[in-house]
Amino acid sequence: MQRMSAHEFLARGARTLEVSEPDPATALAMVHDLQMELCDILETIADLLPDRHDRSECAELAQALVPMVTKLHSFEENVLFSYALRRASLSKPVSRAIERFLGEHSEDEFRLEELSELLRELGRERQPANPEAAGYLLRSVFEAIRRHCVYEREYLSNLLDDGA
């Protein structure tokens, strides 16, 4: 399977939230699939460091990364988390899990700000100033997002499934 380019990722991200209101479980899967594709893009960039990365792709991704993920998080928080809380009748474990997910969203967005700076640098320069630090930052971001998505999907799938 060929990985998605940054341009395709951004275009798909814009369409993901404009679909004709899929059921909540499907919407969660769509949002997570998109974030996993982002992680694949970031992993490829990390693998191509220090000097084989696509500079134009890095520059494009640097510009749109934070707004796109913020939009995905906002959709999760305002639509999916609210739905899960209503379905769980304000269960304390569900409320605590949602609080944790919100905290992870904030952490992800903070890391993505830093990552955007790195991607801008990679868009301008053939090699990052510190290739090891650049690779570490890329990997820490996509590994955290992958873990977050897996846990969120496992935890929320049953609450969001209309058949539950």
Protein backbone atom coordinates (compact mmCIF):
# COMPACT_ATOMS: atom_id res chain seq x y z
CA MET A 1 0.00 0.00 0.00
CA GLN A 2 1.38 3.37 -1.00
CA ARG A 3 1.39 5.99 1.71
CA MET A 4 -0.56 9.19 1.40
CA SER A 5 1.30 12.39 0.54
CA ALA A 6 0.97 15.41 2.79
CA HIS A 7 -1.21 17.08 0.15
CA GLU A 8 -3.56 14.07 -0.03
CA PHE A 9 -3.64 13.89 3.78
CA LEU A 10 -4.69 17.51 4.07
CA ALA A 11 -7.34 17.18 1.36
CA ARG A 12 -8.75 14.03 2.97
CA GLY A 13 -8.69 15.70 6.38
CA ALA A 14 -10.82 18.54 5.11
CA ARG A 15 -13.32 16.10 3.61
CA THR A 16 -13.42 13.81 6.67
CA LEU A 17 -15.36 16.25 8.78
CA GLU A 18 -17.64 17.35 5.95
CA VAL A 19 -19.20 13.97 5.29
CA SER A 20 -22.90 13.68 5.78
CA GLU A 21 -22.82 12.97 9.50
CA PRO A 22 -21.76 9.32 9.77
CA ASP A 23 -22.70 7.43 12.90
CA PRO A 24 -20.43 8.28 15.86
CA ALA A 25 -18.47 5.00 15.79
CA THR A 26 -17.73 5.44 12.08
CA ALA A 27 -16.79 9.08 12.62
CA LEU A 28 -14.34 8.08 15.37
CA ALA A 29 -12.77 5.47 13.08
CA MET A 30 -12.48 8.04 10.27
CA VAL A 31 -10.80 10.61 12.52
CA HIS A 32 -8.40 8.01 13.90
CA ASP A 33 -7.60 6.59 10.47
CA LEU A 34 -6.68 10.07 9.33
CA GLN A 35 -4.43 10.59 12.36
CA MET A 36 -2.78 7.20 11.74
CA GLU A 37 -2.08 8.25 8.14
CA LEU A 38 -0.50 11.42 9.49
CA CYS A 39 1.69 9.25 11.73
CA ASP A 40 2.76 7.22 8.68
CA ILE A 41 3.76 10.43 6.89
CA LEU A 42 5.75 11.62 9.92
CA GLU A 43 7.41 8.22 10.28
CA THR A 44 8.51 8.30 6.65
CA ILE A 45 9.99 11.76 7.12
CA ALA A 46 11.87 10.51 10.21
CA ASP A 47 13.14 7.49 8.28
CA LEU A 48 14.46 9.72 5.48
CA LEU A 49 16.45 12.01 7.76
CA PRO A 50 18.96 13.54 7.68
CA ASP A 51 18.86 14.49 3.99
CA ARG A 52 16.45 12.42 1.89
CA HIS A 53 13.16 13.96 3.08
CA ASP A 54 10.83 15.74 0.66
CA ARG A 55 11.37 19.41 1.45
CA SER A 56 8.20 20.63 -0.24
CA GLU A 57 6.11 18.03 1.59
CA CYS A 58 7.63 19.13 4.92
CA ALA A 59 6.91 22.79 4.18
CA GLU A 60 3.32 22.00 3.19
CA LEU A 61 2.75 19.86 6.25
CA ALA A 62 4.31 22.47 8.56
CA GLN A 63 1.71 25.01 7.52
CA ALA A 64 -1.38 22.83 7.87
CA LEU A 65 -0.48 20.32 10.59
CA VAL A 66 -1.65 22.19 13.69
CA PRO A 67 -4.91 23.56 12.20
CA MET A 68 -5.86 20.13 10.82
CA VAL A 69 -5.22 18.18 14.02
CA THR A 70 -6.85 20.91 16.09
CA LYS A 71 -9.92 20.61 13.87
CA LEU A 72 -9.95 16.81 14.30
CA HIS A 73 -9.59 17.15 18.07
CA SER A 74 -12.35 19.75 18.19
CA PHE A 75 -14.66 17.41 16.28
CA GLU A 76 -13.88 14.57 18.70
CA GLU A 77 -14.40 16.77 21.74
CA ASN A 78 -17.56 18.56 20.64
CA VAL A 79 -19.32 15.71 18.89
CA LEU A 80 -17.91 12.33 19.88
CA PHE A 81 -16.96 12.91 23.51
CA SER A 82 -20.27 14.64 24.18
CA TYR A 83 -22.13 11.72 22.65
CA ALA A 84 -20.11 9.19 24.70
CA LEU A 85 -20.81 11.07 27.91
CA ARG A 86 -24.54 11.15 27.17
CA ARG A 87 -24.54 7.41 26.42
CA ALA A 88 -22.63 6.63 29.61
CA SER A 89 -25.06 8.65 31.76
CA LEU A 90 -22.23 10.63 33.31
CA SER A 91 -20.37 7.55 34.54
CA LYS A 92 -17.31 8.58 36.61
CA PRO A 93 -14.90 6.22 34.78
CA VAL A 94 -16.07 7.55 31.41
CA SER A 95 -15.81 11.16 32.62
CA ARG A 96 -12.25 10.51 33.86
CA ALA A 97 -11.29 8.87 30.57
CA ILE A 98 -12.69 11.81 28.60
CA GLU A 99 -10.71 14.20 30.82
CA ARG A 100 -7.59 12.18 30.07
CA PHE A 101 -8.30 12.30 26.33
CA LEU A 102 -8.75 16.08 26.52
CA GLY A 103 -5.41 16.39 28.30
CA GLU A 104 -3.75 14.24 25.65
CA HIS A 105 -5.23 16.44 22.93
CA SER A 106 -3.64 19.48 24.58
CA GLU A 107 -0.29 17.68 24.86
CA ASP A 108 -0.48 16.55 21.22
CA GLU A 109 -1.24 20.08 20.04
CA PHE A 110 1.67 21.48 22.06
CA ARG A 111 4.04 18.89 20.53
CA LEU A 112 2.65 19.62 17.08
CA GLU A 113 3.51 23.31 17.45
CA GLU A 114 7.13 22.31 18.06
CA LEU A 115 6.97 19.79 15.23
CA SER A 116 5.66 22.43 12.83
CA GLU A 117 8.78 24.48 13.52
CA LEU A 118 10.95 21.47 12.72
CA LEU A 119 8.98 20.76 9.53
CA ARG A 120 9.45 24.39 8.45
CA GLU A 121 13.19 23.94 8.97
CA LEU A 122 13.13 20.68 7.00
CA GLY A 123 11.26 22.51 4.25
CA ARG A 124 14.02 25.11 4.00
CA GLU A 125 17.14 23.07 4.67
CA ARG A 126 18.48 19.88 3.20
CA GLN A 127 19.58 18.71 6.66
CA PRO A 128 18.23 19.62 10.08
CA ALA A 129 20.64 21.32 12.47
CA ASN A 130 20.46 18.27 14.75
CA PRO A 131 19.26 15.16 12.87
CA GLU A 132 19.07 13.01 16.02
CA ALA A 133 16.89 15.53 17.84
CA ALA A 134 14.71 15.96 14.74
CA GLY A 135 14.19 12.21 14.44
CA TYR A 136 13.44 11.95 18.15
CA LEU A 137 10.82 14.71 17.99
CA LEU A 138 9.12 13.19 14.94
CA ARG A 139 9.04 9.74 16.54
CA SER A 140 7.83 10.99 19.92
CA VAL A 141 4.93 12.79 18.24
CA PHE A 142 3.73 9.98 16.01
CA GLU A 143 4.17 7.33 18.69
CA ALA A 144 2.14 9.39 21.18
CA ILE A 145 -0.62 9.99 18.62
CA ARG A 146 -0.77 6.31 17.71
CA ARG A 147 -1.02 5.25 21.37
CA HIS A 148 -3.67 7.88 22.01
CA CYS A 149 -5.79 6.82 19.03
CA VAL A 150 -5.59 3.13 19.91
CA TYR A 151 -6.63 3.72 23.50
CA GLU A 152 -9.36 6.16 22.56
CA ARG A 153 -10.76 3.80 19.94
CA GLU A 154 -10.70 0.81 22.30
CA TYR A 155 -12.34 2.79 25.08
CA LEU A 156 -14.94 4.71 23.10
CA SER A 157 -15.97 2.24 20.39
CA ASN A 158 -18.60 0.49 22.49
CA LEU A 159 -19.98 3.76 23.84
CA LEU A 160 -20.32 5.22 20.35
CA ASP A 161 -21.67 2.11 18.64
CA ASP A 162 -25.39 2.53 18.01
CA GLY A 163 -25.85 -1.21 18.49
CA ALA A 164 -24.59 -1.01 22.10
